[in-house]
Amino acid sequence: MTISILGGTIRDERTMKAILGMGILKLAQIGEAMERHWRKHLEGREGRERAYGGGRKGKMPTGIEKAAFILFYLKVYPTFDVLSHVSGINRGECCRWVHKLLPILEKVLGEKLALPGRKIRTVEEFERAFPQAVEVCFDGMERPRQRPKKKSSDRKHYSGKKKRHTQKAIVGTQGRRICYLGPSKRGARHDKRLLDQRHILPCIPASVNIYCDSAFLGVKHPGVCLPHKASKRRPLTDEQRGWNKLLASERVVVEHAIGGMKRLNSVAGIYRNRRANTHDRFNLLAAGIWNFFIA
């Protein structure tokens, strides 16, 4: 099966996944939904006189081409000059199209039930986000950003990992699926502090096991499972090493899920957009694309 998008022809599934982050069948589903939501968006605009479909045809007349355009941007994260060269659309128009299509893609992924929960304030909300959960995993995810010019902001965003300035968010998974994604905060904040500020733990039933790494030491919950830490005077026993190994094998799924989000360069690469909260939308869309990809 071949498909012509972005001024070229893609002939196999492997190339499609490398360029867009999903296969041909998944792209067709996204494209059909995007066309429907795009039509609804245009028909709901005030002052519109022409019926949908009137006027000259643009560079992306179909939903599948719009889906390929925005998925290519999120997967490769090119500059608008490069995106213009690949798509054949003016550089400024590329920027406008990206900001038009990002919220449309978010609506589509929400319709497909792929987006993670953003707020958990009650037990009912936890059960909706993590249906029939017996065990869940939480971990912090960092994404690099440009170094701030102000000294005060520089210190707040410096995470200390690989000497980078980052944005951090808490990720909660059930199996490989990302069921919770917290808002992005400054990279210097501690993982446990971020989790405590979201007030999630009181909403999790005591029967649910919570797997975390050593960054969450001090978390108070009956079901929390934490690794043992060695010290200079107190090395780990064989039993403690065995527990750490078992715990690592259980919580590796959250690492795989974060790796699935970071298949997209818009999350793995250095964030360089200027609009407020776009980095948070990138994280949300990356989580939704991963959930849709593994569904």
C-alpha atoms as a PDB file:
ATOM      1  CA  MET A   1       0.000   0.000   0.000  1.00  0.00           C
ATOM      2  CA  THR A   2       1.343   3.451  -0.936  1.00  0.00           C
ATOM      3  CA  ILE A   3       0.264   6.862   0.253  1.00  0.00           C
ATOM      4  CA  SER A   4       1.200  10.297  -1.109  1.00  0.00           C
ATOM      5  CA  ILE A   5       1.673  12.970   1.555  1.00  0.00           C
ATOM      6  CA  LEU A   6       3.984  15.917   2.204  1.00  0.00           C
ATOM      7  CA  GLY A   7       5.038  16.092  -1.427  1.00  0.00           C
ATOM      8  CA  GLY A   8       6.280  12.474  -1.530  1.00  0.00           C
ATOM      9  CA  THR A   9       5.181   8.845  -1.584  1.00  0.00           C
ATOM     10  CA  ILE A  10       5.508   6.459   1.364  1.00  0.00           C
ATOM     11  CA  ARG A  11       5.480   2.814   0.358  1.00  0.00           C
ATOM     12  CA  ASP A  12       5.830   0.784   3.550  1.00  0.00           C
ATOM     13  CA  GLU A  13       4.687   0.685   7.178  1.00  0.00           C
ATOM     14  CA  ARG A  14       8.191   1.001   8.643  1.00  0.00           C
ATOM     15  CA  THR A  15       8.867   4.296   6.852  1.00  0.00           C
ATOM     16  CA  MET A  16       5.453   5.597   7.871  1.00  0.00           C
ATOM     17  CA  LYS A  17       6.165   4.917  11.551  1.00  0.00           C
ATOM     18  CA  ALA A  18       9.609   6.518  11.273  1.00  0.00           C
ATOM     19  CA  ILE A  19       8.205   9.719   9.706  1.00  0.00           C
ATOM     20  CA  LEU A  20       4.808  10.071  11.413  1.00  0.00           C
ATOM     21  CA  GLY A  21       5.003   7.866  14.512  1.00  0.00           C
ATOM     22  CA  MET A  22       2.147   5.530  13.485  1.00  0.00           C
ATOM     23  CA  GLY A  23       1.139   3.138  10.717  1.00  0.00           C
ATOM     24  CA  ILE A  24      -1.072   3.648   7.682  1.00  0.00           C
ATOM     25  CA  LEU A  25      -4.289   2.270   9.223  1.00  0.00           C
ATOM     26  CA  LYS A  26      -3.911   4.409  12.349  1.00  0.00           C
ATOM     27  CA  LEU A  27      -3.193   7.455  10.171  1.00  0.00           C
ATOM     28  CA  ALA A  28      -6.369   6.806   8.167  1.00  0.00           C
ATOM     29  CA  GLN A  29      -8.422   6.742  11.389  1.00  0.00           C
ATOM     30  CA  ILE A  30      -6.854  10.001  12.594  1.00  0.00           C
ATOM     31  CA  GLY A  31      -7.350  11.590   9.163  1.00  0.00           C
ATOM     32  CA  GLU A  32     -11.048  10.700   8.973  1.00  0.00           C
ATOM     33  CA  ALA A  33     -11.688  12.164  12.430  1.00  0.00           C
ATOM     34  CA  MET A  34      -9.619  15.285  11.694  1.00  0.00           C
ATOM     35  CA  GLU A  35     -11.616  15.983   8.546  1.00  0.00           C
ATOM     36  CA  ARG A  36     -14.847  15.787  10.561  1.00  0.00           C
ATOM     37  CA  HIS A  37     -13.586  18.062  13.345  1.00  0.00           C
ATOM     38  CA  TRP A  38     -12.024  20.508  10.854  1.00  0.00           C
ATOM     39  CA  ARG A  39     -15.338  20.802   8.999  1.00  0.00           C
ATOM     40  CA  LYS A  40     -17.167  21.402  12.286  1.00  0.00           C
ATOM     41  CA  HIS A  41     -14.571  24.046  13.199  1.00  0.00           C
ATOM     42  CA  LEU A  42     -15.035  25.932   9.921  1.00  0.00           C
ATOM     43  CA  GLU A  43     -18.823  25.716   9.900  1.00  0.00           C
ATOM     44  CA  GLY A  44     -18.944  27.122  13.432  1.00  0.00           C
ATOM     45  CA  ARG A  45     -16.957  30.270  12.584  1.00  0.00           C
ATOM     46  CA  GLU A  46     -18.855  33.548  12.796  1.00  0.00           C
ATOM     47  CA  GLY A  47     -19.405  35.495   9.589  1.00  0.00           C
ATOM     48  CA  ARG A  48     -18.874  32.499   7.286  1.00  0.00           C
ATOM     49  CA  GLU A  49     -20.807  32.901   4.019  1.00  0.00           C
ATOM     50  CA  ARG A  50     -19.647  30.042   1.797  1.00  0.00           C
ATOM     51  CA  ALA A  51     -20.626  26.425   2.396  1.00  0.00           C
ATOM     52  CA  TYR A  52     -17.852  24.018   3.403  1.00  0.00           C
ATOM     53  CA  GLY A  53     -15.746  23.034   0.383  1.00  0.00           C
ATOM     54  CA  GLY A  54     -16.249  26.275  -1.541  1.00  0.00           C
ATOM     55  CA  GLY A  55     -13.356  28.290  -2.943  1.00  0.00           C
ATOM     56  CA  ARG A  56      -9.970  27.139  -4.171  1.00  0.00           C
ATOM     57  CA  LYS A  57      -8.385  23.982  -2.816  1.00  0.00           C
ATOM     58  CA  GLY A  58      -5.366  24.383  -0.550  1.00  0.00           C
ATOM     59  CA  LYS A  59      -2.192  22.340  -0.193  1.00  0.00           C
ATOM     60  CA  MET A  60      -3.912  20.009   2.321  1.00  0.00           C
ATOM     61  CA  PRO A  61      -7.489  19.476   1.080  1.00  0.00           C
ATOM     62  CA  THR A  62      -8.081  16.145   2.864  1.00  0.00           C
ATOM     63  CA  GLY A  63      -8.078  15.146   6.512  1.00  0.00           C
ATOM     64  CA  ILE A  64      -5.354  12.561   6.026  1.00  0.00           C
ATOM     65  CA  GLU A  65      -3.014  15.231   4.622  1.00  0.00           C
ATOM     66  CA  LYS A  66      -3.743  17.515   7.575  1.00  0.00           C
ATOM     67  CA  ALA A  67      -3.084  14.596   9.948  1.00  0.00           C
ATOM     68  CA  ALA A  68       0.197  13.755   8.204  1.00  0.00           C
ATOM     69  CA  PHE A  69       1.293  17.409   8.342  1.00  0.00           C
ATOM     70  CA  ILE A  70       0.783  17.838  12.095  1.00  0.00           C
ATOM     71  CA  LEU A  71       2.067  14.339  12.962  1.00  0.00           C
ATOM     72  CA  PHE A  72       5.214  14.983  10.906  1.00  0.00           C
ATOM     73  CA  TYR A  73       5.751  18.226  12.807  1.00  0.00           C
ATOM     74  CA  LEU A  74       5.368  16.502  16.191  1.00  0.00           C
ATOM     75  CA  LYS A  75       7.502  13.483  15.224  1.00  0.00           C
ATOM     76  CA  VAL A  76      10.392  15.290  13.529  1.00  0.00           C
ATOM     77  CA  TYR A  77       9.979  18.749  15.163  1.00  0.00           C
ATOM     78  CA  PRO A  78      11.555  20.636  12.232  1.00  0.00           C
ATOM     79  CA  THR A  79      11.968  24.380  12.061  1.00  0.00           C
ATOM     80  CA  PHE A  80       9.300  26.130  10.010  1.00  0.00           C
ATOM     81  CA  ASP A  81      11.852  26.703   7.228  1.00  0.00           C
ATOM     82  CA  VAL A  82      12.398  22.936   6.934  1.00  0.00           C
ATOM     83  CA  LEU A  83       8.660  22.230   7.243  1.00  0.00           C
ATOM     84  CA  SER A  84       8.007  24.743   4.464  1.00  0.00           C
ATOM     85  CA  HIS A  85      10.540  23.030   2.200  1.00  0.00           C
ATOM     86  CA  VAL A  86       9.057  19.568   2.834  1.00  0.00           C
ATOM     87  CA  SER A  87       5.381  20.521   2.550  1.00  0.00           C
ATOM     88  CA  GLY A  88       5.605  23.205  -0.134  1.00  0.00           C
ATOM     89  CA  ILE A  89       3.700  25.672   2.061  1.00  0.00           C
ATOM     90  CA  ASN A  90       4.899  29.172   2.921  1.00  0.00           C
ATOM     91  CA  ARG A  91       6.941  29.394   6.148  1.00  0.00           C
ATOM     92  CA  GLY A  92       4.510  31.747   7.895  1.00  0.00           C
ATOM     93  CA  GLU A  93       1.535  29.679   6.754  1.00  0.00           C
ATOM     94  CA  CYS A  94       3.219  26.562   8.190  1.00  0.00           C
ATOM     95  CA  CYS A  95       3.322  28.255  11.587  1.00  0.00           C
ATOM     96  CA  ARG A  96      -0.348  29.205  11.357  1.00  0.00           C
ATOM     97  CA  TRP A  97      -1.361  25.693  10.260  1.00  0.00           C
ATOM     98  CA  VAL A  98       0.516  24.090  13.163  1.00  0.00           C
ATOM     99  CA  HIS A  99      -1.318  26.205  15.731  1.00  0.00           C
ATOM    100  CA  LYS A 100      -4.645  25.557  13.982  1.00  0.00           C
ATOM    101  CA  LEU A 101      -4.199  21.782  13.847  1.00  0.00           C
ATOM    102  CA  LEU A 102      -2.766  21.135  17.329  1.00  0.00           C
ATOM    103  CA  PRO A 103      -6.141  21.694  19.106  1.00  0.00           C
ATOM    104  CA  ILE A 104      -7.940  19.718  16.365  1.00  0.00           C
ATOM    105  CA  LEU A 105      -5.598  16.749  16.939  1.00  0.00           C
ATOM    106  CA  GLU A 106      -6.210  17.036  20.683  1.00  0.00           C
ATOM    107  CA  LYS A 107      -9.985  16.782  20.097  1.00  0.00           C
ATOM    108  CA  VAL A 108      -9.484  13.751  17.853  1.00  0.00           C
ATOM    109  CA  LEU A 109      -7.348  11.915  20.422  1.00  0.00           C
ATOM    110  CA  GLY A 110      -9.890  12.791  23.112  1.00  0.00           C
ATOM    111  CA  GLU A 111     -12.619  11.286  20.934  1.00  0.00           C
ATOM    112  CA  LYS A 112     -10.505   8.123  20.568  1.00  0.00           C
ATOM    113  CA  LEU A 113     -10.195   7.943  24.403  1.00  0.00           C
ATOM    114  CA  ALA A 114      -6.419   8.112  24.097  1.00  0.00           C
ATOM    115  CA  LEU A 115      -5.673  11.223  26.169  1.00  0.00           C
ATOM    116  CA  PRO A 116      -4.506  10.701  29.782  1.00  0.00           C
ATOM    117  CA  GLY A 117      -6.243  12.248  32.778  1.00  0.00           C
ATOM    118  CA  ARG A 118      -4.956  15.638  33.917  1.00  0.00           C
ATOM    119  CA  LYS A 119      -6.601  16.010  37.359  1.00  0.00           C
ATOM    120  CA  ILE A 120      -7.335  13.352  39.975  1.00  0.00           C
ATOM    121  CA  ARG A 121      -9.130  14.802  42.994  1.00  0.00           C
ATOM    122  CA  THR A 122     -11.502  12.001  44.016  1.00  0.00           C
ATOM    123  CA  VAL A 123     -11.515   8.191  44.116  1.00  0.00           C
ATOM    124  CA  GLU A 124     -14.059   8.199  41.265  1.00  0.00           C
ATOM    125  CA  GLU A 125     -11.716  10.255  39.060  1.00  0.00           C
ATOM    126  CA  PHE A 126      -8.871   7.847  39.845  1.00  0.00           C
ATOM    127  CA  GLU A 127     -11.036   4.866  38.862  1.00  0.00           C
ATOM    128  CA  ARG A 128     -11.996   6.579  35.596  1.00  0.00           C
ATOM    129  CA  ALA A 129      -8.350   7.312  34.778  1.00  0.00           C
ATOM    130  CA  PHE A 130      -7.090   3.893  35.982  1.00  0.00           C
ATOM    131  CA  PRO A 131     -10.011   1.468  35.373  1.00  0.00           C
ATOM    132  CA  GLN A 132      -9.876  -1.695  37.523  1.00  0.00           C
ATOM    133  CA  ALA A 133      -6.323  -0.848  38.599  1.00  0.00           C
ATOM    134  CA  VAL A 134      -4.474  -3.282  40.854  1.00  0.00           C
ATOM    135  CA  GLU A 135      -1.044  -1.723  40.419  1.00  0.00           C
ATOM    136  CA  VAL A 136       0.101   1.629  38.988  1.00  0.00           C
ATOM    137  CA  CYS A 137       3.472   3.260  38.372  1.00  0.00           C
ATOM    138  CA  PHE A 138       4.505   6.899  38.813  1.00  0.00           C
ATOM    139  CA  ASP A 139       7.661   8.578  37.578  1.00  0.00           C
ATOM    140  CA  GLY A 140       8.955  12.008  36.664  1.00  0.00           C
ATOM    141  CA  MET A 141       9.540  12.893  33.011  1.00  0.00           C
ATOM    142  CA  GLU A 142      11.913  15.662  31.995  1.00  0.00           C
ATOM    143  CA  ARG A 143      12.196  17.338  28.627  1.00  0.00           C
ATOM    144  CA  PRO A 144      15.000  19.776  27.700  1.00  0.00           C
ATOM    145  CA  ARG A 145      14.321  23.438  27.070  1.00  0.00           C
ATOM    146  CA  GLN A 146      16.365  26.449  26.049  1.00  0.00           C
ATOM    147  CA  ARG A 147      18.459  28.010  28.783  1.00  0.00           C
ATOM    148  CA  PRO A 148      16.717  31.092  30.240  1.00  0.00           C
ATOM    149  CA  LYS A 149      18.606  34.382  30.030  1.00  0.00           C
ATOM    150  CA  LYS A 150      17.563  35.572  33.487  1.00  0.00           C
ATOM    151  CA  LYS A 151      19.672  34.248  36.363  1.00  0.00           C
ATOM    152  CA  SER A 152      16.646  33.617  38.586  1.00  0.00           C
ATOM    153  CA  SER A 153      14.911  31.543  35.880  1.00  0.00           C
ATOM    154  CA  ASP A 154      18.204  29.828  35.067  1.00  0.00           C
ATOM    155  CA  ARG A 155      18.450  28.353  38.576  1.00  0.00           C
ATOM    156  CA  LYS A 156      14.789  27.330  38.676  1.00  0.00           C
ATOM    157  CA  HIS A 157      14.943  25.340  35.430  1.00  0.00           C
ATOM    158  CA  TYR A 158      18.366  23.739  35.952  1.00  0.00           C
ATOM    159  CA  SER A 159      17.691  20.093  36.803  1.00  0.00           C
ATOM    160  CA  GLY A 160      21.278  18.929  37.345  1.00  0.00           C
ATOM    161  CA  LYS A 161      20.771  15.946  35.030  1.00  0.00           C
ATOM    162  CA  LYS A 162      23.303  16.075  32.196  1.00  0.00           C
ATOM    163  CA  LYS A 163      23.767  19.787  33.007  1.00  0.00           C
ATOM    164  CA  ARG A 164      20.471  20.615  31.326  1.00  0.00           C
ATOM    165  CA  HIS A 165      17.618  23.050  31.806  1.00  0.00           C
ATOM    166  CA  THR A 166      14.345  21.169  31.696  1.00  0.00           C
ATOM    167  CA  GLN A 167      10.589  21.072  32.219  1.00  0.00           C
ATOM    168  CA  LYS A 168       9.297  18.243  34.433  1.00  0.00           C
ATOM    169  CA  ALA A 169       5.964  16.428  34.656  1.00  0.00           C
ATOM    170  CA  ILE A 170       4.657  13.435  36.624  1.00  0.00           C
ATOM    171  CA  VAL A 171       3.541  10.435  34.546  1.00  0.00           C
ATOM    172  CA  GLY A 172       1.239   7.691  35.853  1.00  0.00           C
ATOM    173  CA  THR A 173       0.800   4.410  33.973  1.00  0.00           C
ATOM    174  CA  GLN A 174      -1.292   1.272  34.128  1.00  0.00           C
ATOM    175  CA  GLY A 175       0.639  -1.306  32.169  1.00  0.00           C
ATOM    176  CA  ARG A 176       2.048   0.438  29.091  1.00  0.00           C
ATOM    177  CA  ARG A 177      -0.809   2.922  28.890  1.00  0.00           C
ATOM    178  CA  ILE A 178      -0.305   6.479  30.194  1.00  0.00           C
ATOM    179  CA  CYS A 179      -3.365   7.181  32.350  1.00  0.00           C
ATOM    180  CA  TYR A 180      -2.218  10.354  34.109  1.00  0.00           C
ATOM    181  CA  LEU A 181      -0.036  13.276  33.016  1.00  0.00           C
ATOM    182  CA  GLY A 182       0.599  16.200  35.342  1.00  0.00           C
ATOM    183  CA  PRO A 183       1.256  19.782  34.233  1.00  0.00           C
ATOM    184  CA  SER A 184       4.796  20.792  33.276  1.00  0.00           C
ATOM    185  CA  LYS A 185       6.787  22.513  35.998  1.00  0.00           C
ATOM    186  CA  ARG A 186      10.346  23.805  36.432  1.00  0.00           C
ATOM    187  CA  GLY A 187      13.024  21.129  36.143  1.00  0.00           C
ATOM    188  CA  ALA A 188      14.580  21.874  39.539  1.00  0.00           C
ATOM    189  CA  ARG A 189      11.480  20.688  41.424  1.00  0.00           C
ATOM    190  CA  HIS A 190      11.692  17.324  43.152  1.00  0.00           C
ATOM    191  CA  ASP A 191       9.543  14.425  41.883  1.00  0.00           C
ATOM    192  CA  LYS A 192       7.985  13.757  45.297  1.00  0.00           C
ATOM    193  CA  ARG A 193       7.085  17.427  45.740  1.00  0.00           C
ATOM    194  CA  LEU A 194       5.352  17.495  42.360  1.00  0.00           C
ATOM    195  CA  LEU A 195       3.354  14.367  43.222  1.00  0.00           C
ATOM    196  CA  ASP A 196       2.372  15.728  46.639  1.00  0.00           C
ATOM    197  CA  GLN A 197       1.202  19.015  45.123  1.00  0.00           C
ATOM    198  CA  ARG A 198      -1.261  17.184  42.838  1.00  0.00           C
ATOM    199  CA  HIS A 199      -2.961  15.487  45.857  1.00  0.00           C
ATOM    200  CA  ILE A 200      -3.301  12.193  43.992  1.00  0.00           C
ATOM    201  CA  LEU A 201      -2.240   9.731  46.699  1.00  0.00           C
ATOM    202  CA  PRO A 202      -5.279  10.275  48.992  1.00  0.00           C
ATOM    203  CA  CYS A 203      -7.502   9.365  46.008  1.00  0.00           C
ATOM    204  CA  ILE A 204      -5.826   5.979  45.427  1.00  0.00           C
ATOM    205  CA  PRO A 205      -7.441   3.042  47.289  1.00  0.00           C
ATOM    206  CA  ALA A 206      -5.240   1.247  49.839  1.00  0.00           C
ATOM    207  CA  SER A 207      -5.586  -2.026  47.880  1.00  0.00           C
ATOM    208  CA  VAL A 208      -3.706  -0.573  44.861  1.00  0.00           C
ATOM    209  CA  ASN A 209       0.061  -1.096  44.720  1.00  0.00           C
ATOM    210  CA  ILE A 210       2.069   1.987  43.718  1.00  0.00           C
ATOM    211  CA  TYR A 211       5.499   1.357  42.186  1.00  0.00           C
ATOM    212  CA  CYS A 212       7.947   4.283  42.369  1.00  0.00           C
ATOM    213  CA  ASP A 213      11.695   4.848  42.222  1.00  0.00           C
ATOM    214  CA  SER A 214      13.946   6.320  44.921  1.00  0.00           C
ATOM    215  CA  ALA A 215      12.984   9.893  43.921  1.00  0.00           C
ATOM    216  CA  PHE A 216       9.691   9.307  45.772  1.00  0.00           C
ATOM    217  CA  LEU A 217      11.174   8.247  49.121  1.00  0.00           C
ATOM    218  CA  GLY A 218       8.940   9.554  51.900  1.00  0.00           C
ATOM    219  CA  VAL A 219       5.668   9.078  50.010  1.00  0.00           C
ATOM    220  CA  LYS A 220       2.951   7.996  52.446  1.00  0.00           C
ATOM    221  CA  HIS A 221       0.475   5.410  51.154  1.00  0.00           C
ATOM    222  CA  PRO A 222      -0.319   1.845  52.341  1.00  0.00           C
ATOM    223  CA  GLY A 223       0.379   0.362  48.908  1.00  0.00           C
ATOM    224  CA  VAL A 224       3.547   2.259  47.958  1.00  0.00           C
ATOM    225  CA  CYS A 225       6.542   0.093  46.974  1.00  0.00           C
ATOM    226  CA  LEU A 226       9.942   1.816  47.100  1.00  0.00           C
ATOM    227  CA  PRO A 227      13.498   0.532  46.530  1.00  0.00           C
ATOM    228  CA  HIS A 228      16.058   0.192  49.306  1.00  0.00           C
ATOM    229  CA  LYS A 229      18.953   2.650  49.257  1.00  0.00           C
ATOM    230  CA  ALA A 230      22.461   1.705  50.277  1.00  0.00           C
ATOM    231  CA  SER A 231      24.742   3.912  52.327  1.00  0.00           C
ATOM    232  CA  LYS A 232      28.463   3.889  53.055  1.00  0.00           C
ATOM    233  CA  ARG A 233      28.001   2.141  56.390  1.00  0.00           C
ATOM    234  CA  ARG A 234      24.967   0.053  55.473  1.00  0.00           C
ATOM    235  CA  PRO A 235      25.367  -1.848  52.201  1.00  0.00           C
ATOM    236  CA  LEU A 236      22.362  -3.654  50.794  1.00  0.00           C
ATOM    237  CA  THR A 237      21.709  -7.247  51.808  1.00  0.00           C
ATOM    238  CA  ASP A 238      21.007  -9.969  49.238  1.00  0.00           C
ATOM    239  CA  GLU A 239      17.324  -9.817  50.166  1.00  0.00           C
ATOM    240  CA  GLN A 240      17.217  -6.056  49.594  1.00  0.00           C
ATOM    241  CA  ARG A 241      18.985  -6.396  46.246  1.00  0.00           C
ATOM    242  CA  GLY A 242      16.454  -9.031  45.226  1.00  0.00           C
ATOM    243  CA  TRP A 243      13.595  -6.692  46.194  1.00  0.00           C
ATOM    244  CA  ASN A 244      15.116  -3.818  44.191  1.00  0.00           C
ATOM    245  CA  LYS A 245      15.486  -6.078  41.162  1.00  0.00           C
ATOM    246  CA  LEU A 246      11.891  -7.284  41.442  1.00  0.00           C
ATOM    247  CA  LEU A 247      10.590  -3.726  41.840  1.00  0.00           C
ATOM    248  CA  ALA A 248      12.612  -2.533  38.846  1.00  0.00           C
ATOM    249  CA  SER A 249      11.109  -5.303  36.703  1.00  0.00           C
ATOM    250  CA  GLU A 250       7.601  -4.161  37.696  1.00  0.00           C
ATOM    251  CA  ARG A 251       8.089  -0.426  37.187  1.00  0.00           C
ATOM    252  CA  VAL A 252      10.036  -0.694  33.918  1.00  0.00           C
ATOM    253  CA  VAL A 253       6.697  -0.258  32.086  1.00  0.00           C
ATOM    254  CA  VAL A 254       6.561   3.421  33.062  1.00  0.00           C
ATOM    255  CA  GLU A 255      10.032   3.867  31.549  1.00  0.00           C
ATOM    256  CA  HIS A 256       8.790   2.227  28.359  1.00  0.00           C
ATOM    257  CA  ALA A 257       5.767   4.548  28.290  1.00  0.00           C
ATOM    258  CA  ILE A 258       7.944   7.649  28.739  1.00  0.00           C
ATOM    259  CA  GLY A 259      10.194   6.301  25.991  1.00  0.00           C
ATOM    260  CA  GLY A 260       7.086   5.939  23.826  1.00  0.00           C
ATOM    261  CA  MET A 261       6.277   9.617  24.364  1.00  0.00           C
ATOM    262  CA  LYS A 262       9.846  10.543  23.493  1.00  0.00           C
ATOM    263  CA  ARG A 263       9.605   8.844  20.117  1.00  0.00           C
ATOM    264  CA  LEU A 264       8.379  12.315  19.157  1.00  0.00           C
ATOM    265  CA  ASN A 265      11.174  14.880  18.804  1.00  0.00           C
ATOM    266  CA  SER A 266       8.758  17.587  19.936  1.00  0.00           C
ATOM    267  CA  VAL A 267       9.095  16.019  23.413  1.00  0.00           C
ATOM    268  CA  ALA A 268      12.606  14.539  23.238  1.00  0.00           C
ATOM    269  CA  GLY A 269      14.262  17.577  21.609  1.00  0.00           C
ATOM    270  CA  ILE A 270      14.964  21.009  23.065  1.00  0.00           C
ATOM    271  CA  TYR A 271      11.712  22.972  23.311  1.00  0.00           C
ATOM    272  CA  ARG A 272      11.976  26.168  21.274  1.00  0.00           C
ATOM    273  CA  ASN A 273       8.383  27.406  20.777  1.00  0.00           C
ATOM    274  CA  ARG A 274       7.349  30.762  22.238  1.00  0.00           C
ATOM    275  CA  ARG A 275       3.619  30.428  22.876  1.00  0.00           C
ATOM    276  CA  ALA A 276       2.604  29.842  26.478  1.00  0.00           C
ATOM    277  CA  ASN A 277       1.759  26.241  27.476  1.00  0.00           C
ATOM    278  CA  THR A 278       2.600  24.771  24.062  1.00  0.00           C
ATOM    279  CA  HIS A 279       5.151  22.517  25.795  1.00  0.00           C
ATOM    280  CA  ASP A 280       2.329  21.134  27.969  1.00  0.00           C
ATOM    281  CA  ARG A 281       0.203  20.453  24.877  1.00  0.00           C
ATOM    282  CA  PHE A 282       3.154  18.672  23.234  1.00  0.00           C
ATOM    283  CA  ASN A 283       3.391  16.360  26.266  1.00  0.00           C
ATOM    284  CA  LEU A 284      -0.356  15.698  26.220  1.00  0.00           C
ATOM    285  CA  LEU A 285      -0.436  14.941  22.493  1.00  0.00           C
ATOM    286  CA  ALA A 286       2.648  12.717  22.748  1.00  0.00           C
ATOM    287  CA  ALA A 287       0.952  10.692  25.512  1.00  0.00           C
ATOM    288  CA  GLY A 288      -2.258  10.471  23.458  1.00  0.00           C
ATOM    289  CA  ILE A 289      -0.402   9.371  20.313  1.00  0.00           C
ATOM    290  CA  TRP A 290       1.424   6.683  22.313  1.00  0.00           C
ATOM    291  CA  ASN A 291      -1.825   5.390  23.841  1.00  0.00           C
ATOM    292  CA  PHE A 292      -3.485   5.362  20.414  1.00  0.00           C
ATOM    293  CA  PHE A 293      -0.436   3.634  18.905  1.00  0.00           C
ATOM    294  CA  ILE A 294      -0.478   0.726  21.406  1.00  0.00           C
ATOM    295  CA  ALA A 295      -4.289   0.357  21.510  1.00  0.00           C
END
